[in-house]
């Protein structure tokens, strides 16, 4: 599970707050501040590309759902595939992404059970997108 940026920032606030208590252990204060700096660096990196990654992933998953709807005649996947991201707040994009990924999971299960050759091609495309999604979410490391 990848923690959400607001959760990370809240944790950083707690670490800094605990470090400001008078009479605190200097070693603990140093460790807390070092961890805070590292987490802020990772959060900054994630924030910078988060909306772009979610929009790209939502677009890619919709295309896969369209293929699945055509292959299996599923109206639910067809409806989801015709959607578009209009609200670019991270929370809205993440809600849409969760809905689309849930549908993609169901499609993937259906494709794995299918015997049609076109299902094999769709299965390969799903795996390609899952790999691409992982790469989009990759955080290289703290710039600190």
C-alpha atoms as a PDB file:
ATOM      1  CA  UNK A   1       0.000   0.000   0.000  1.00  0.00           C
ATOM      2  CA  UNK A   2       1.246   3.453  -0.879  1.00  0.00           C
ATOM      3  CA  UNK A   3       0.446   6.072   1.749  1.00  0.00           C
ATOM      4  CA  UNK A   4      -1.386   9.127   0.494  1.00  0.00           C
ATOM      5  CA  UNK A   5       0.530  12.398   0.498  1.00  0.00           C
ATOM      6  CA  UNK A   6      -1.782  14.107   3.033  1.00  0.00           C
ATOM      7  CA  UNK A   7      -1.165  11.214   5.448  1.00  0.00           C
ATOM      8  CA  UNK A   8       2.595  11.558   4.986  1.00  0.00           C
ATOM      9  CA  UNK A   9       2.449  15.300   5.586  1.00  0.00           C
ATOM     10  CA  UNK A  10       0.350  14.755   8.733  1.00  0.00           C
ATOM     11  CA  UNK A  11       2.969  12.287  10.001  1.00  0.00           C
ATOM     12  CA  UNK A  12       5.704  14.839   9.298  1.00  0.00           C
ATOM     13  CA  UNK A  13       3.774  17.459  11.261  1.00  0.00           C
ATOM     14  CA  UNK A  14       3.589  15.031  14.189  1.00  0.00           C
ATOM     15  CA  UNK A  15       7.312  14.264  14.013  1.00  0.00           C
ATOM     16  CA  UNK A  16       8.198  17.952  13.984  1.00  0.00           C
ATOM     17  CA  UNK A  17       5.724  18.693  16.761  1.00  0.00           C
ATOM     18  CA  UNK A  18       7.213  15.973  18.968  1.00  0.00           C
ATOM     19  CA  UNK A  19      10.684  17.350  18.226  1.00  0.00           C
ATOM     20  CA  UNK A  20       9.721  20.788  19.533  1.00  0.00           C
ATOM     21  CA  UNK A  21       8.921  19.551  23.035  1.00  0.00           C
ATOM     22  CA  UNK A  22      11.363  21.212  25.467  1.00  0.00           C
ATOM     23  CA  UNK A  23      13.922  18.870  26.979  1.00  0.00           C
ATOM     24  CA  UNK A  24      13.579  16.289  24.232  1.00  0.00           C
ATOM     25  CA  UNK A  25      16.348  13.819  23.503  1.00  0.00           C
ATOM     26  CA  UNK A  26      18.678  15.530  20.968  1.00  0.00           C
ATOM     27  CA  UNK A  27      19.278  12.235  19.149  1.00  0.00           C
ATOM     28  CA  UNK A  28      15.537  11.672  18.765  1.00  0.00           C
ATOM     29  CA  UNK A  29      15.021  15.262  17.635  1.00  0.00           C
ATOM     30  CA  UNK A  30      17.742  14.853  15.002  1.00  0.00           C
ATOM     31  CA  UNK A  31      16.297  11.554  13.812  1.00  0.00           C
ATOM     32  CA  UNK A  32      12.775  13.029  13.610  1.00  0.00           C
ATOM     33  CA  UNK A  33      13.950  16.049  11.650  1.00  0.00           C
ATOM     34  CA  UNK A  34      16.023  13.900   9.290  1.00  0.00           C
ATOM     35  CA  UNK A  35      13.071  11.605   8.645  1.00  0.00           C
ATOM     36  CA  UNK A  36      10.829  14.635   8.146  1.00  0.00           C
ATOM     37  CA  UNK A  37      13.194  16.063   5.537  1.00  0.00           C
ATOM     38  CA  UNK A  38      13.347  12.752   3.672  1.00  0.00           C
ATOM     39  CA  UNK A  39       9.556  12.318   3.725  1.00  0.00           C
ATOM     40  CA  UNK A  40       9.015  15.882   2.517  1.00  0.00           C
ATOM     41  CA  UNK A  41      11.354  15.220  -0.406  1.00  0.00           C
ATOM     42  CA  UNK A  42       9.429  12.083  -1.362  1.00  0.00           C
ATOM     43  CA  UNK A  43       6.078  13.837  -0.957  1.00  0.00           C
ATOM     44  CA  UNK A  44       7.223  16.723  -3.157  1.00  0.00           C
ATOM     45  CA  UNK A  45       8.274  14.302  -5.876  1.00  0.00           C
ATOM     46  CA  UNK A  46       4.989  12.414  -5.685  1.00  0.00           C
ATOM     47  CA  UNK A  47       2.841  15.552  -5.671  1.00  0.00           C
ATOM     48  CA  UNK A  48       4.557  16.916  -8.768  1.00  0.00           C
ATOM     49  CA  UNK A  49       3.462  14.059 -11.027  1.00  0.00           C
ATOM     50  CA  UNK A  50       0.439  12.675  -9.220  1.00  0.00           C
ATOM     51  CA  UNK A  51      -2.354  14.276 -11.257  1.00  0.00           C
ATOM     52  CA  UNK A  52      -0.627  13.478 -14.557  1.00  0.00           C
ATOM     53  CA  UNK A  53      -0.096   9.845 -13.552  1.00  0.00           C
ATOM     54  CA  UNK A  54      -3.737   9.432 -12.495  1.00  0.00           C
ATOM     55  CA  UNK A  55      -5.082  11.034 -15.680  1.00  0.00           C
ATOM     56  CA  UNK A  56      -2.848   8.805 -17.828  1.00  0.00           C
ATOM     57  CA  UNK A  57      -3.838   5.716 -15.890  1.00  0.00           C
ATOM     58  CA  UNK A  58      -7.551   6.524 -15.995  1.00  0.00           C
ATOM     59  CA  UNK A  59      -7.320   7.047 -19.767  1.00  0.00           C
ATOM     60  CA  UNK A  60      -5.457   3.761 -20.259  1.00  0.00           C
ATOM     61  CA  UNK A  61      -7.871   1.779 -18.078  1.00  0.00           C
ATOM     62  CA  UNK A  62     -10.876   3.261 -19.889  1.00  0.00           C
ATOM     63  CA  UNK A  63      -9.387   2.071 -23.195  1.00  0.00           C
ATOM     64  CA  UNK A  64      -8.963  -1.442 -21.773  1.00  0.00           C
ATOM     65  CA  UNK A  65     -12.526  -1.421 -20.455  1.00  0.00           C
ATOM     66  CA  UNK A  66     -13.754  -0.379 -23.912  1.00  0.00           C
ATOM     67  CA  UNK A  67     -11.975  -3.389 -25.406  1.00  0.00           C
ATOM     68  CA  UNK A  68     -13.456  -5.628 -22.722  1.00  0.00           C
ATOM     69  CA  UNK A  69     -16.951  -4.235 -23.300  1.00  0.00           C
ATOM     70  CA  UNK A  70     -16.625  -4.948 -27.011  1.00  0.00           C
ATOM     71  CA  UNK A  71     -15.253  -8.451 -26.453  1.00  0.00           C
ATOM     72  CA  UNK A  72     -17.761  -9.525 -23.803  1.00  0.00           C
ATOM     73  CA  UNK A  73     -20.717  -7.193 -24.439  1.00  0.00           C
ATOM     74  CA  UNK A  74     -20.613  -5.707 -20.948  1.00  0.00           C
ATOM     75  CA  UNK A  75     -22.617  -2.475 -20.690  1.00  0.00           C
ATOM     76  CA  UNK A  76     -21.063  -1.530 -17.344  1.00  0.00           C
ATOM     77  CA  UNK A  77     -17.559  -1.544 -18.780  1.00  0.00           C
ATOM     78  CA  UNK A  78     -18.830   0.359 -21.831  1.00  0.00           C
ATOM     79  CA  UNK A  79     -20.288   3.109 -19.634  1.00  0.00           C
ATOM     80  CA  UNK A  80     -17.089   3.430 -17.606  1.00  0.00           C
ATOM     81  CA  UNK A  81     -14.969   3.491 -20.753  1.00  0.00           C
ATOM     82  CA  UNK A  82     -16.822   6.552 -22.064  1.00  0.00           C
ATOM     83  CA  UNK A  83     -16.126   8.614 -18.947  1.00  0.00           C
ATOM     84  CA  UNK A  84     -13.620  11.443 -18.781  1.00  0.00           C
ATOM     85  CA  UNK A  85     -11.713  13.151 -16.015  1.00  0.00           C
ATOM     86  CA  UNK A  86     -13.221  16.584 -15.508  1.00  0.00           C
ATOM     87  CA  UNK A  87     -12.274  17.268 -11.890  1.00  0.00           C
ATOM     88  CA  UNK A  88      -8.500  17.304 -11.537  1.00  0.00           C
ATOM     89  CA  UNK A  89      -8.360  17.438  -7.750  1.00  0.00           C
ATOM     90  CA  UNK A  90      -6.205  14.533  -6.609  1.00  0.00           C
ATOM     91  CA  UNK A  91      -8.989  13.199  -4.376  1.00  0.00           C
ATOM     92  CA  UNK A  92     -11.444  13.139  -7.302  1.00  0.00           C
ATOM     93  CA  UNK A  93      -8.930  11.522  -9.645  1.00  0.00           C
ATOM     94  CA  UNK A  94      -8.141   8.890  -7.004  1.00  0.00           C
ATOM     95  CA  UNK A  95     -11.847   8.074  -6.504  1.00  0.00           C
ATOM     96  CA  UNK A  96     -12.308   7.637 -10.241  1.00  0.00           C
ATOM     97  CA  UNK A  97      -9.102   5.619 -10.436  1.00  0.00           C
ATOM     98  CA  UNK A  98     -10.296   3.270  -7.687  1.00  0.00           C
ATOM     99  CA  UNK A  99     -13.592   2.692  -9.526  1.00  0.00           C
ATOM    100  CA  UNK A 100     -11.821   2.074 -12.831  1.00  0.00           C
ATOM    101  CA  UNK A 101      -9.241  -0.247 -11.260  1.00  0.00           C
ATOM    102  CA  UNK A 102     -12.040  -2.251  -9.628  1.00  0.00           C
ATOM    103  CA  UNK A 103     -13.653  -2.700 -13.028  1.00  0.00           C
ATOM    104  CA  UNK A 104     -10.280  -3.571 -14.547  1.00  0.00           C
ATOM    105  CA  UNK A 105      -9.824  -6.292 -11.931  1.00  0.00           C
ATOM    106  CA  UNK A 106     -13.184  -7.783 -12.883  1.00  0.00           C
ATOM    107  CA  UNK A 107     -12.249  -7.576 -16.571  1.00  0.00           C
ATOM    108  CA  UNK A 108      -8.902  -9.224 -15.889  1.00  0.00           C
ATOM    109  CA  UNK A 109     -10.610 -12.110 -14.107  1.00  0.00           C
ATOM    110  CA  UNK A 110     -13.003 -12.534 -17.034  1.00  0.00           C
ATOM    111  CA  UNK A 111     -10.185 -12.394 -19.598  1.00  0.00           C
ATOM    112  CA  UNK A 112      -8.166 -15.039 -17.743  1.00  0.00           C
ATOM    113  CA  UNK A 113     -11.113 -17.439 -17.974  1.00  0.00           C
ATOM    114  CA  UNK A 114     -11.852 -16.743 -21.640  1.00  0.00           C
ATOM    115  CA  UNK A 115     -10.540 -18.961 -24.422  1.00  0.00           C
ATOM    116  CA  UNK A 116     -10.765 -16.511 -27.348  1.00  0.00           C
ATOM    117  CA  UNK A 117      -7.498 -15.410 -28.922  1.00  0.00           C
ATOM    118  CA  UNK A 118      -8.635 -11.797 -28.613  1.00  0.00           C
ATOM    119  CA  UNK A 119      -8.836 -12.358 -24.852  1.00  0.00           C
ATOM    120  CA  UNK A 120      -5.128 -13.294 -24.804  1.00  0.00           C
ATOM    121  CA  UNK A 121      -4.260 -10.027 -26.540  1.00  0.00           C
ATOM    122  CA  UNK A 122      -6.387  -8.072 -24.063  1.00  0.00           C
ATOM    123  CA  UNK A 123      -4.800  -9.931 -21.153  1.00  0.00           C
ATOM    124  CA  UNK A 124      -1.342  -8.928 -22.423  1.00  0.00           C
ATOM    125  CA  UNK A 125      -2.508  -5.311 -22.741  1.00  0.00           C
ATOM    126  CA  UNK A 126      -3.831  -5.376 -19.169  1.00  0.00           C
ATOM    127  CA  UNK A 127      -0.488  -6.653 -17.875  1.00  0.00           C
ATOM    128  CA  UNK A 128       1.290  -3.949 -19.881  1.00  0.00           C
ATOM    129  CA  UNK A 129      -0.868  -1.285 -18.256  1.00  0.00           C
ATOM    130  CA  UNK A 130      -0.345  -2.718 -14.782  1.00  0.00           C
ATOM    131  CA  UNK A 131       3.424  -2.505 -15.330  1.00  0.00           C
ATOM    132  CA  UNK A 132       3.108   1.044 -16.682  1.00  0.00           C
ATOM    133  CA  UNK A 133       0.951   2.011 -13.708  1.00  0.00           C
ATOM    134  CA  UNK A 134       3.618   0.753 -11.326  1.00  0.00           C
ATOM    135  CA  UNK A 135       6.258   2.781 -13.156  1.00  0.00           C
ATOM    136  CA  UNK A 136       4.080   5.916 -13.044  1.00  0.00           C
ATOM    137  CA  UNK A 137       3.835   5.612  -9.279  1.00  0.00           C
ATOM    138  CA  UNK A 138       7.517   4.985  -8.742  1.00  0.00           C
ATOM    139  CA  UNK A 139       9.225   7.424  -6.402  1.00  0.00           C
ATOM    140  CA  UNK A 140      12.951   7.478  -7.120  1.00  0.00           C
ATOM    141  CA  UNK A 141      14.215   8.541  -3.721  1.00  0.00           C
ATOM    142  CA  UNK A 142      14.582  11.506  -1.497  1.00  0.00           C
ATOM    143  CA  UNK A 143      16.427  14.473  -2.989  1.00  0.00           C
ATOM    144  CA  UNK A 144      17.755  15.189   0.515  1.00  0.00           C
END
